[in-house]
Amino acid sequence: MPATEKAAGALRTIGELADEIGRPQHILRYWETRFPQLRPLTRAGNRRYYRPDDVALVRRIHHLLSDEGYTIRGVQKLLAEEKATRSPKGAKGLKDIRDSLAKALEDDKA
């Protein structure tokens, strides 16, 4: 069954995904080294299986590089910034929690 006929939630092999986006498999393996967010399942023999989220990320990376003119570093920066803004408790949130816990401990000692 070709990749286009697979169910939306089905796992894709590296070959299926490479064919879908029109890039060779070694490019996808390279992207795995450059984008920590891209972590397909690996099975025996180092076979890669891409989950729906991985497929969406590969499509997005491909679009940004091919259509939008981003560089690898530019896509890395964009994805990192998006991750930081999506996180409900960024570095400032953790600092606030740590400060409030420290204040609570001081109040308990007093």
PDB file of N, CA and C in Angstrom:
ATOM      1  N   MET A   1       0.846  -1.184   0.000  1.00  0.00           N
ATOM      2  CA  MET A   1       0.000   0.000   0.000  1.00  0.00           C
ATOM      3  C   MET A   1       0.887   1.241   0.000  1.00  0.00           C
ATOM      4  N   PRO A   2       0.793   2.140  -0.946  1.00  0.00           N
ATOM      5  CA  PRO A   2       1.608   3.345  -0.999  1.00  0.00           C
ATOM      6  C   PRO A   2       1.340   4.255   0.203  1.00  0.00           C
ATOM      7  N   ALA A   3       2.305   5.108   0.514  1.00  0.00           N
ATOM      8  CA  ALA A   3       2.210   5.989   1.680  1.00  0.00           C
ATOM      9  C   ALA A   3       0.971   6.876   1.624  1.00  0.00           C
ATOM     10  N   THR A   4       0.561   7.283   0.431  1.00  0.00           N
ATOM     11  CA  THR A   4      -0.588   8.176   0.322  1.00  0.00           C
ATOM     12  C   THR A   4      -1.889   7.474   0.718  1.00  0.00           C
ATOM     13  N   GLU A   5      -1.902   6.136   0.696  1.00  0.00           N
ATOM     14  CA  GLU A   5      -3.103   5.393   1.048  1.00  0.00           C
ATOM     15  C   GLU A   5      -3.117   4.947   2.499  1.00  0.00           C
ATOM     16  N   LYS A   6      -2.059   5.210   3.242  1.00  0.00           N
ATOM     17  CA  LYS A   6      -2.012   4.837   4.647  1.00  0.00           C
ATOM     18  C   LYS A   6      -2.948   5.721   5.454  1.00  0.00           C
ATOM     19  N   ALA A   7      -3.402   5.171   6.558  1.00  0.00           N
ATOM     20  CA  ALA A   7      -4.239   5.950   7.467  1.00  0.00           C
ATOM     21  C   ALA A   7      -3.425   7.113   8.032  1.00  0.00           C
ATOM     22  N   ALA A   8      -4.125   8.153   8.434  1.00  0.00           N
ATOM     23  CA  ALA A   8      -3.451   9.366   8.924  1.00  0.00           C
ATOM     24  C   ALA A   8      -2.530   9.078  10.105  1.00  0.00           C
ATOM     25  N   GLY A   9      -2.916   8.184  10.998  1.00  0.00           N
ATOM     26  CA  GLY A   9      -2.120   7.907  12.186  1.00  0.00           C
ATOM     27  C   GLY A   9      -1.099   6.798  12.013  1.00  0.00           C
ATOM     28  N   ALA A  10      -0.955   6.250  10.810  1.00  0.00           N
ATOM     29  CA  ALA A  10      -0.040   5.136  10.573  1.00  0.00           C
ATOM     30  C   ALA A  10       1.411   5.606  10.598  1.00  0.00           C
ATOM     31  N   LEU A  11       2.289   4.705  10.997  1.00  0.00           N
ATOM     32  CA  LEU A  11       3.715   4.993  10.978  1.00  0.00           C
ATOM     33  C   LEU A  11       4.218   4.952   9.537  1.00  0.00           C
ATOM     34  N   ARG A  12       5.186   5.801   9.240  1.00  0.00           N
ATOM     35  CA  ARG A  12       5.780   5.838   7.908  1.00  0.00           C
ATOM     36  C   ARG A  12       7.238   5.379   8.011  1.00  0.00           C
ATOM     37  N   THR A  13       7.691   4.654   7.012  1.00  0.00           N
ATOM     38  CA  THR A  13       9.107   4.294   6.975  1.00  0.00           C
ATOM     39  C   THR A  13       9.869   5.485   6.417  1.00  0.00           C
ATOM     40  N   ILE A  14      11.183   5.444   6.576  1.00  0.00           N
ATOM     41  CA  ILE A  14      11.990   6.541   6.051  1.00  0.00           C
ATOM     42  C   ILE A  14      11.866   6.623   4.532  1.00  0.00           C
ATOM     43  N   GLY A  15      11.758   5.469   3.873  1.00  0.00           N
ATOM     44  CA  GLY A  15      11.611   5.460   2.419  1.00  0.00           C
ATOM     45  C   GLY A  15      10.304   6.092   1.972  1.00  0.00           C
ATOM     46  N   GLU A  16       9.216   5.758   2.667  1.00  0.00           N
ATOM     47  CA  GLU A  16       7.913   6.333   2.327  1.00  0.00           C
ATOM     48  C   GLU A  16       7.911   7.843   2.505  1.00  0.00           C
ATOM     49  N   LEU A  17       8.478   8.294   3.625  1.00  0.00           N
ATOM     50  CA  LEU A  17       8.497   9.724   3.900  1.00  0.00           C
ATOM     51  C   LEU A  17       9.415  10.466   2.924  1.00  0.00           C
ATOM     52  N   ALA A  18      10.551   9.873   2.624  1.00  0.00           N
ATOM     53  CA  ALA A  18      11.480  10.494   1.662  1.00  0.00           C
ATOM     54  C   ALA A  18      10.813  10.636   0.297  1.00  0.00           C
ATOM     55  N   ASP A  19      10.110   9.594  -0.129  1.00  0.00           N
ATOM     56  CA  ASP A  19       9.394   9.663  -1.413  1.00  0.00           C
ATOM     57  C   ASP A  19       8.309  10.733  -1.379  1.00  0.00           C
ATOM     58  N   GLU A  20       7.615  10.820  -0.254  1.00  0.00           N
ATOM     59  CA  GLU A  20       6.513  11.783  -0.125  1.00  0.00           C
ATOM     60  C   GLU A  20       6.983  13.222  -0.276  1.00  0.00           C
ATOM     61  N   ILE A  21       8.126  13.553   0.342  1.00  0.00           N
ATOM     62  CA  ILE A  21       8.598  14.942   0.276  1.00  0.00           C
ATOM     63  C   ILE A  21       9.578  15.180  -0.871  1.00  0.00           C
ATOM     64  N   GLY A  22       9.976  14.109  -1.551  1.00  0.00           N
ATOM     65  CA  GLY A  22      10.870  14.267  -2.694  1.00  0.00           C
ATOM     66  C   GLY A  22      12.312  14.514  -2.329  1.00  0.00           C
ATOM     67  N   ARG A  23      12.732  14.002  -1.195  1.00  0.00           N
ATOM     68  CA  ARG A  23      14.125  14.119  -0.763  1.00  0.00           C
ATOM     69  C   ARG A  23      14.697  12.725  -0.550  1.00  0.00           C
ATOM     70  N   PRO A  24      16.005  12.554  -0.704  1.00  0.00           N
ATOM     71  CA  PRO A  24      16.605  11.243  -0.441  1.00  0.00           C
ATOM     72  C   PRO A  24      16.606  10.917   1.057  1.00  0.00           C
ATOM     73  N   GLN A  25      16.688   9.630   1.352  1.00  0.00           N
ATOM     74  CA  GLN A  25      16.652   9.183   2.747  1.00  0.00           C
ATOM     75  C   GLN A  25      17.792   9.763   3.576  1.00  0.00           C
ATOM     76  N   HIS A  26      18.961   9.915   2.973  1.00  0.00           N
ATOM     77  CA  HIS A  26      20.085  10.421   3.762  1.00  0.00           C
ATOM     78  C   HIS A  26      19.838  11.848   4.255  1.00  0.00           C
ATOM     79  N   ILE A  27      19.014  12.595   3.564  1.00  0.00           N
ATOM     80  CA  ILE A  27      18.676  13.950   4.021  1.00  0.00           C
ATOM     81  C   ILE A  27      17.851  13.866   5.310  1.00  0.00           C
ATOM     82  N   LEU A  28      16.910  12.945   5.357  1.00  0.00           N
ATOM     83  CA  LEU A  28      16.116  12.780   6.583  1.00  0.00           C
ATOM     84  C   LEU A  28      17.006  12.347   7.749  1.00  0.00           C
ATOM     85  N   ARG A  29      17.945  11.445   7.476  1.00  0.00           N
ATOM     86  CA  ARG A  29      18.859  11.025   8.544  1.00  0.00           C
ATOM     87  C   ARG A  29      19.715  12.205   9.000  1.00  0.00           C
ATOM     88  N   TYR A  30      20.135  13.054   8.063  1.00  0.00           N
ATOM     89  CA  TYR A  30      20.899  14.255   8.412  1.00  0.00           C
ATOM     90  C   TYR A  30      20.059  15.189   9.274  1.00  0.00           C
ATOM     91  N   TRP A  31      18.800  15.392   8.889  1.00  0.00           N
ATOM     92  CA  TRP A  31      17.931  16.274   9.673  1.00  0.00           C
ATOM     93  C   TRP A  31      17.784  15.770  11.102  1.00  0.00           C
ATOM     94  N   GLU A  32      17.783  14.462  11.282  1.00  0.00           N
ATOM     95  CA  GLU A  32      17.694  13.909  12.644  1.00  0.00           C
ATOM     96  C   GLU A  32      18.877  14.364  13.490  1.00  0.00           C
ATOM     97  N   THR A  33      20.039  14.576  12.869  1.00  0.00           N
ATOM     98  CA  THR A  33      21.213  15.025  13.627  1.00  0.00           C
ATOM     99  C   THR A  33      21.158  16.522  13.912  1.00  0.00           C
ATOM    100  N   ARG A  34      20.383  17.262  13.136  1.00  0.00           N
ATOM    101  CA  ARG A  34      20.326  18.711  13.267  1.00  0.00           C
ATOM    102  C   ARG A  34      19.119  19.218  14.049  1.00  0.00           C
ATOM    103  N   PHE A  35      18.073  18.423  14.131  1.00  0.00           N
ATOM    104  CA  PHE A  35      16.844  18.845  14.807  1.00  0.00           C
ATOM    105  C   PHE A  35      16.506  17.855  15.911  1.00  0.00           C
ATOM    106  N   PRO A  36      16.806  18.201  17.163  1.00  0.00           N
ATOM    107  CA  PRO A  36      16.557  17.266  18.263  1.00  0.00           C
ATOM    108  C   PRO A  36      15.078  16.922  18.427  1.00  0.00           C
ATOM    109  N   GLN A  37      14.197  17.760  17.901  1.00  0.00           N
ATOM    110  CA  GLN A  37      12.758  17.487  17.979  1.00  0.00           C
ATOM    111  C   GLN A  37      12.370  16.296  17.111  1.00  0.00           C
ATOM    112  N   LEU A  38      13.164  15.979  16.120  1.00  0.00           N
ATOM    113  CA  LEU A  38      12.866  14.911  15.171  1.00  0.00           C
ATOM    114  C   LEU A  38      13.495  13.614  15.672  1.00  0.00           C
ATOM    115  N   ARG A  39      12.677  12.779  16.298  1.00  0.00           N
ATOM    116  CA  ARG A  39      13.142  11.521  16.853  1.00  0.00           C
ATOM    117  C   ARG A  39      12.197  10.389  16.464  1.00  0.00           C
ATOM    118  N   PRO A  40      12.380   9.813  15.272  1.00  0.00           N
ATOM    119  CA  PRO A  40      11.512   8.697  14.884  1.00  0.00           C
ATOM    120  C   PRO A  40      11.805   7.464  15.744  1.00  0.00           C
ATOM    121  N   LEU A  41      10.847   6.557  15.767  1.00  0.00           N
ATOM    122  CA  LEU A  41      11.060   5.284  16.451  1.00  0.00           C
ATOM    123  C   LEU A  41      12.114   4.509  15.676  1.00  0.00           C
ATOM    124  N   THR A  42      13.003   3.847  16.376  1.00  0.00           N
ATOM    125  CA  THR A  42      13.970   2.990  15.691  1.00  0.00           C
ATOM    126  C   THR A  42      13.774   1.572  16.193  1.00  0.00           C
ATOM    127  N   ARG A  43      13.797   0.640  15.272  1.00  0.00           N
ATOM    128  CA  ARG A  43      13.598  -0.773  15.570  1.00  0.00           C
ATOM    129  C   ARG A  43      14.842  -1.554  15.170  1.00  0.00           C
ATOM    130  N   ALA A  44      14.751  -2.858  15.236  1.00  0.00           N
ATOM    131  CA  ALA A  44      15.873  -3.732  14.904  1.00  0.00           C
ATOM    132  C   ALA A  44      16.461  -3.343  13.548  1.00  0.00           C
ATOM    133  N   GLY A  45      17.756  -3.408  13.468  1.00  0.00           N
ATOM    134  CA  GLY A  45      18.422  -3.045  12.223  1.00  0.00           C
ATOM    135  C   GLY A  45      18.436  -1.551  11.978  1.00  0.00           C
ATOM    136  N   ASN A  46      18.150  -0.765  13.008  1.00  0.00           N
ATOM    137  CA  ASN A  46      18.125   0.698  12.930  1.00  0.00           C
ATOM    138  C   ASN A  46      17.071   1.206  11.937  1.00  0.00           C
ATOM    139  N   ARG A  47      15.984   0.461  11.802  1.00  0.00           N
ATOM    140  CA  ARG A  47      14.893   0.896  10.926  1.00  0.00           C
ATOM    141  C   ARG A  47      14.137   2.024  11.586  1.00  0.00           C
ATOM    142  N   ARG A  48      13.852   3.036  10.805  1.00  0.00           N
ATOM    143  CA  ARG A  48      13.170   4.217  11.326  1.00  0.00           C
ATOM    144  C   ARG A  48      11.698   4.177  10.962  1.00  0.00           C
ATOM    145  N   TYR A  49      10.865   4.519  11.942  1.00  0.00           N
ATOM    146  CA  TYR A  49       9.428   4.631  11.729  1.00  0.00           C
ATOM    147  C   TYR A  49       8.989   5.991  12.256  1.00  0.00           C
ATOM    148  N   TYR A  50       8.422   6.780  11.370  1.00  0.00           N
ATOM    149  CA  TYR A  50       8.027   8.140  11.707  1.00  0.00           C
ATOM    150  C   TYR A  50       6.572   8.183  12.142  1.00  0.00           C
ATOM    151  N   ARG A  51       6.341   8.719  13.330  1.00  0.00           N
ATOM    152  CA  ARG A  51       4.986   8.908  13.855  1.00  0.00           C
ATOM    153  C   ARG A  51       4.347  10.108  13.162  1.00  0.00           C
ATOM    154  N   PRO A  52       3.036  10.278  13.293  1.00  0.00           N
ATOM    155  CA  PRO A  52       2.369  11.422  12.649  1.00  0.00           C
ATOM    156  C   PRO A  52       2.989  12.769  13.015  1.00  0.00           C
ATOM    157  N   ASP A  53       3.386  12.956  14.270  1.00  0.00           N
ATOM    158  CA  ASP A  53       4.026  14.218  14.662  1.00  0.00           C
ATOM    159  C   ASP A  53       5.370  14.404  13.969  1.00  0.00           C
ATOM    160  N   ASP A  54       6.118  13.298  13.835  1.00  0.00           N
ATOM    161  CA  ASP A  54       7.397  13.367  13.123  1.00  0.00           C
ATOM    162  C   ASP A  54       7.186  13.719  11.652  1.00  0.00           C
ATOM    163  N   VAL A  55       6.161  13.106  11.049  1.00  0.00           N
ATOM    164  CA  VAL A  55       5.851  13.376   9.646  1.00  0.00           C
ATOM    165  C   VAL A  55       5.517  14.854   9.462  1.00  0.00           C
ATOM    166  N   ALA A  56       4.708  15.388  10.358  1.00  0.00           N
ATOM    167  CA  ALA A  56       4.342  16.812  10.277  1.00  0.00           C
ATOM    168  C   ALA A  56       5.578  17.696  10.424  1.00  0.00           C
ATOM    169  N   LEU A  57       6.474  17.326  11.326  1.00  0.00           N
ATOM    170  CA  LEU A  57       7.692  18.108  11.526  1.00  0.00           C
ATOM    171  C   LEU A  57       8.586  18.042  10.285  1.00  0.00           C
ATOM    172  N   VAL A  58       8.738  16.872   9.697  1.00  0.00           N
ATOM    173  CA  VAL A  58       9.550  16.734   8.483  1.00  0.00           C
ATOM    174  C   VAL A  58       8.959  17.576   7.361  1.00  0.00           C
ATOM    175  N   ARG A  59       7.650  17.527   7.212  1.00  0.00           N
ATOM    176  CA  ARG A  59       7.001  18.343   6.169  1.00  0.00           C
ATOM    177  C   ARG A  59       7.254  19.818   6.411  1.00  0.00           C
ATOM    178  N   ARG A  60       7.184  20.218   7.666  1.00  0.00           N
ATOM    179  CA  ARG A  60       7.404  21.632   8.003  1.00  0.00           C
ATOM    180  C   ARG A  60       8.848  22.051   7.732  1.00  0.00           C
ATOM    181  N   ILE A  61       9.788  21.222   8.161  1.00  0.00           N
ATOM    182  CA  ILE A  61      11.207  21.517   7.914  1.00  0.00           C
ATOM    183  C   ILE A  61      11.445  21.614   6.410  1.00  0.00           C
ATOM    184  N   HIS A  62      10.913  20.666   5.666  1.00  0.00           N
ATOM    185  CA  HIS A  62      11.067  20.669   4.214  1.00  0.00           C
ATOM    186  C   HIS A  62      10.494  21.954   3.611  1.00  0.00           C
ATOM    187  N   HIS A  63       9.310  22.343   4.055  1.00  0.00           N
ATOM    188  CA  HIS A  63       8.675  23.567   3.549  1.00  0.00           C
ATOM    189  C   HIS A  63       9.527  24.798   3.868  1.00  0.00           C
ATOM    190  N   LEU A  64       9.996  24.895   5.109  1.00  0.00           N
ATOM    191  CA  LEU A  64      10.791  26.062   5.494  1.00  0.00           C
ATOM    192  C   LEU A  64      12.094  26.146   4.702  1.00  0.00           C
ATOM    193  N   LEU A  65      12.731  25.006   4.496  1.00  0.00           N
ATOM    194  CA  LEU A  65      13.998  25.003   3.759  1.00  0.00           C
ATOM    195  C   LEU A  65      13.786  25.217   2.258  1.00  0.00           C
ATOM    196  N   SER A  66      12.808  24.536   1.696  1.00  0.00           N
ATOM    197  CA  SER A  66      12.622  24.561   0.239  1.00  0.00           C
ATOM    198  C   SER A  66      11.816  25.745  -0.257  1.00  0.00           C
ATOM    199  N   ASP A  67      10.725  26.044   0.427  1.00  0.00           N
ATOM    200  CA  ASP A  67       9.803  27.064  -0.059  1.00  0.00           C
ATOM    201  C   ASP A  67      10.020  28.440   0.565  1.00  0.00           C
ATOM    202  N   GLU A  68      10.380  28.462   1.827  1.00  0.00           N
ATOM    203  CA  GLU A  68      10.515  29.741   2.530  1.00  0.00           C
ATOM    204  C   GLU A  68      11.939  30.292   2.497  1.00  0.00           C
ATOM    205  N   GLY A  69      12.903  29.484   2.080  1.00  0.00           N
ATOM    206  CA  GLY A  69      14.272  29.973   1.960  1.00  0.00           C
ATOM    207  C   GLY A  69      15.070  30.008   3.246  1.00  0.00           C
ATOM    208  N   TYR A  70      14.619  29.322   4.274  1.00  0.00           N
ATOM    209  CA  TYR A  70      15.364  29.265   5.530  1.00  0.00           C
ATOM    210  C   TYR A  70      16.619  28.414   5.360  1.00  0.00           C
ATOM    211  N   THR A  71      17.605  28.683   6.204  1.00  0.00           N
ATOM    212  CA  THR A  71      18.787  27.828   6.300  1.00  0.00           C
ATOM    213  C   THR A  71      18.518  26.812   7.419  1.00  0.00           C
ATOM    214  N   ILE A  72      19.384  25.821   7.526  1.00  0.00           N
ATOM    215  CA  ILE A  72      19.255  24.847   8.620  1.00  0.00           C
ATOM    216  C   ILE A  72      19.278  25.583   9.956  1.00  0.00           C
ATOM    217  N   ARG A  73      20.232  26.486  10.114  1.00  0.00           N
ATOM    218  CA  ARG A  73      20.345  27.232  11.370  1.00  0.00           C
ATOM    219  C   ARG A  73      19.102  28.087  11.624  1.00  0.00           C
ATOM    220  N   GLY A  74      18.553  28.661  10.574  1.00  0.00           N
ATOM    221  CA  GLY A  74      17.346  29.467  10.718  1.00  0.00           C
ATOM    222  C   GLY A  74      16.160  28.636  11.177  1.00  0.00           C
ATOM    223  N   VAL A  75      16.012  27.431  10.633  1.00  0.00           N
ATOM    224  CA  VAL A  75      14.922  26.543  11.047  1.00  0.00           C
ATOM    225  C   VAL A  75      15.149  26.094  12.489  1.00  0.00           C
ATOM    226  N   GLN A  76      16.395  25.788  12.851  1.00  0.00           N
ATOM    227  CA  GLN A  76      16.703  25.398  14.234  1.00  0.00           C
ATOM    228  C   GLN A  76      16.284  26.504  15.201  1.00  0.00           C
ATOM    229  N   LYS A  77      16.629  27.732  14.851  1.00  0.00           N
ATOM    230  CA  LYS A  77      16.311  28.876  15.711  1.00  0.00           C
ATOM    231  C   LYS A  77      14.796  29.070  15.812  1.00  0.00           C
ATOM    232  N   LEU A  78      14.109  28.978  14.686  1.00  0.00           N
ATOM    233  CA  LEU A  78      12.658  29.127  14.667  1.00  0.00           C
ATOM    234  C   LEU A  78      11.976  28.070  15.531  1.00  0.00           C
ATOM    235  N   LEU A  79      12.376  26.814  15.383  1.00  0.00           N
ATOM    236  CA  LEU A  79      11.771  25.732  16.166  1.00  0.00           C
ATOM    237  C   LEU A  79      12.070  25.893  17.658  1.00  0.00           C
ATOM    238  N   ALA A  80      13.284  26.327  17.983  1.00  0.00           N
ATOM    239  CA  ALA A  80      13.651  26.543  19.389  1.00  0.00           C
ATOM    240  C   ALA A  80      12.820  27.678  19.991  1.00  0.00           C
ATOM    241  N   GLU A  81      12.619  28.759  19.234  1.00  0.00           N
ATOM    242  CA  GLU A  81      11.810  29.881  19.729  1.00  0.00           C
ATOM    243  C   GLU A  81      10.361  29.460  19.933  1.00  0.00           C
ATOM    244  N   GLU A  82       9.839  28.675  19.008  1.00  0.00           N
ATOM    245  CA  GLU A  82       8.456  28.199  19.139  1.00  0.00           C
ATOM    246  C   GLU A  82       8.301  27.305  20.353  1.00  0.00           C
ATOM    247  N   LYS A  83       9.288  26.463  20.606  1.00  0.00           N
ATOM    248  CA  LYS A  83       9.233  25.577  21.776  1.00  0.00           C
ATOM    249  C   LYS A  83       9.231  26.400  23.058  1.00  0.00           C
ATOM    250  N   ALA A  84      10.040  27.443  23.095  1.00  0.00           N
ATOM    251  CA  ALA A  84      10.128  28.294  24.282  1.00  0.00           C
ATOM    252  C   ALA A  84       8.813  29.026  24.535  1.00  0.00           C
ATOM    253  N   THR A  85       8.151  29.487  23.481  1.00  0.00           N
ATOM    254  CA  THR A  85       6.897  30.222  23.669  1.00  0.00           C
ATOM    255  C   THR A  85       5.733  29.289  23.976  1.00  0.00           C
ATOM    256  N   ARG A  86       5.811  28.027  23.513  1.00  0.00           N
ATOM    257  CA  ARG A  86       4.752  27.047  23.801  1.00  0.00           C
ATOM    258  C   ARG A  86       4.796  26.566  25.230  1.00  0.00           C
ATOM    259  N   SER A  87       5.977  26.537  25.810  1.00  0.00           N
ATOM    260  CA  SER A  87       6.152  26.011  27.157  1.00  0.00           C
ATOM    261  C   SER A  87       5.449  26.924  28.157  1.00  0.00           C
ATOM    262  N   PRO A  88       4.452  26.411  28.907  1.00  0.00           N
ATOM    263  CA  PRO A  88       3.726  27.255  29.854  1.00  0.00           C
ATOM    264  C   PRO A  88       4.598  27.729  31.005  1.00  0.00           C
ATOM    265  N   LYS A  89       5.595  26.954  31.339  1.00  0.00           N
ATOM    266  CA  LYS A  89       6.494  27.332  32.425  1.00  0.00           C
ATOM    267  C   LYS A  89       7.900  27.429  31.868  1.00  0.00           C
ATOM    268  N   GLY A  90       8.204  28.543  31.253  1.00  0.00           N
ATOM    269  CA  GLY A  90       9.537  28.771  30.710  1.00  0.00           C
ATOM    270  C   GLY A  90      10.524  29.010  31.835  1.00  0.00           C
ATOM    271  N   ALA A  91      11.699  29.498  31.527  1.00  0.00           N
ATOM    272  CA  ALA A  91      12.728  29.733  32.529  1.00  0.00           C
ATOM    273  C   ALA A  91      12.239  30.721  33.583  1.00  0.00           C
ATOM    274  N   LYS A  92      11.501  31.747  33.187  1.00  0.00           N
ATOM    275  CA  LYS A  92      10.986  32.716  34.141  1.00  0.00           C
ATOM    276  C   LYS A  92       9.988  32.058  35.074  1.00  0.00           C
ATOM    277  N   GLY A  93       9.135  31.189  34.557  1.00  0.00           N
ATOM    278  CA  GLY A  93       8.156  30.492  35.381  1.00  0.00           C
ATOM    279  C   GLY A  93       8.822  29.620  36.435  1.00  0.00           C
ATOM    280  N   LEU A  94       9.891  28.928  36.065  1.00  0.00           N
ATOM    281  CA  LEU A  94      10.613  28.091  37.016  1.00  0.00           C
ATOM    282  C   LEU A  94      11.306  28.944  38.075  1.00  0.00           C
ATOM    283  N   LYS A  95      11.834  30.094  37.664  1.00  0.00           N
ATOM    284  CA  LYS A  95      12.477  30.989  38.633  1.00  0.00           C
ATOM    285  C   LYS A  95      11.446  31.496  39.641  1.00  0.00           C
ATOM    286  N   ASP A  96      10.255  31.848  39.156  1.00  0.00           N
ATOM    287  CA  ASP A  96       9.202  32.312  40.054  1.00  0.00           C
ATOM    288  C   ASP A  96       8.818  31.226  41.057  1.00  0.00           C
ATOM    289  N   ILE A  97       8.719  30.000  40.608  1.00  0.00           N
ATOM    290  CA  ILE A  97       8.377  28.881  41.498  1.00  0.00           C
ATOM    291  C   ILE A  97       9.470  28.695  42.534  1.00  0.00           C
ATOM    292  N   ARG A  98      10.742  28.710  42.088  1.00  0.00           N
ATOM    293  CA  ARG A  98      11.858  28.536  43.016  1.00  0.00           C
ATOM    294  C   ARG A  98      11.874  29.659  44.055  1.00  0.00           C
ATOM    295  N   ASP A  99      11.650  30.905  43.612  1.00  0.00           N
ATOM    296  CA  ASP A  99      11.646  32.039  44.541  1.00  0.00           C
ATOM    297  C   ASP A  99      10.515  31.925  45.556  1.00  0.00           C
ATOM    298  N   SER A 100       9.321  31.508  45.093  1.00  0.00           N
ATOM    299  CA  SER A 100       8.198  31.392  46.033  1.00  0.00           C
ATOM    300  C   SER A 100       8.431  30.266  47.036  1.00  0.00           C
ATOM    301  N   LEU A 101       9.068  29.172  46.605  1.00  0.00           N
ATOM    302  CA  LEU A 101       9.390  28.084  47.538  1.00  0.00           C
ATOM    303  C   LEU A 101      10.424  28.535  48.559  1.00  0.00           C
ATOM    304  N   ALA A 102      11.427  29.288  48.108  1.00  0.00           N
ATOM    305  CA  ALA A 102      12.450  29.785  49.023  1.00  0.00           C
ATOM    306  C   ALA A 102      11.831  30.723  50.046  1.00  0.00           C
ATOM    307  N   LYS A 103      10.897  31.583  49.603  1.00  0.00           N
ATOM    308  CA  LYS A 103      10.226  32.504  50.519  1.00  0.00           C
ATOM    309  C   LYS A 103       9.376  31.730  51.524  1.00  0.00           C
ATOM    310  N   ALA A 104       8.692  30.689  51.060  1.00  0.00           N
ATOM    311  CA  ALA A 104       7.866  29.879  51.957  1.00  0.00           C
ATOM    312  C   ALA A 104       8.726  29.193  53.013  1.00  0.00           C
ATOM    313  N   LEU A 105       9.892  28.709  52.618  1.00  0.00           N
ATOM    314  CA  LEU A 105      10.800  28.083  53.590  1.00  0.00           C
ATOM    315  C   LEU A 105      11.289  29.090  54.615  1.00  0.00           C
ATOM    316  N   GLU A 106      11.607  30.295  54.155  1.00  0.00           N
ATOM    317  CA  GLU A 106      12.034  31.344  55.095  1.00  0.00           C
ATOM    318  C   GLU A 106      10.933  31.685  56.076  1.00  0.00           C
ATOM    319  N   ASP A 107       9.683  31.767  55.588  1.00  0.00           N
ATOM    320  CA  ASP A 107       8.549  32.080  56.447  1.00  0.00           C
ATOM    321  C   ASP A 107       8.328  30.978  57.484  1.00  0.00           C
ATOM    322  N   ASP A 108       8.539  29.727  57.075  1.00  0.00           N
ATOM    323  CA  ASP A 108       8.367  28.600  58.028  1.00  0.00           C
ATOM    324  C   ASP A 108       9.419  28.624  59.106  1.00  0.00           C
ATOM    325  N   LYS A 109      10.638  29.079  58.789  1.00  0.00           N
ATOM    326  CA  LYS A 109      11.710  29.137  59.764  1.00  0.00           C
ATOM    327  C   LYS A 109      11.492  30.258  60.763  1.00  0.00           C
ATOM    328  N   ALA A 110      10.794  31.305  60.363  1.00  0.00           N
ATOM    329  CA  ALA A 110      10.600  32.486  61.220  1.00  0.00           C
ATOM    330  C   ALA A 110       9.573  32.290  62.276  1.00  0.00           C
TER     331      ALA A 110
END
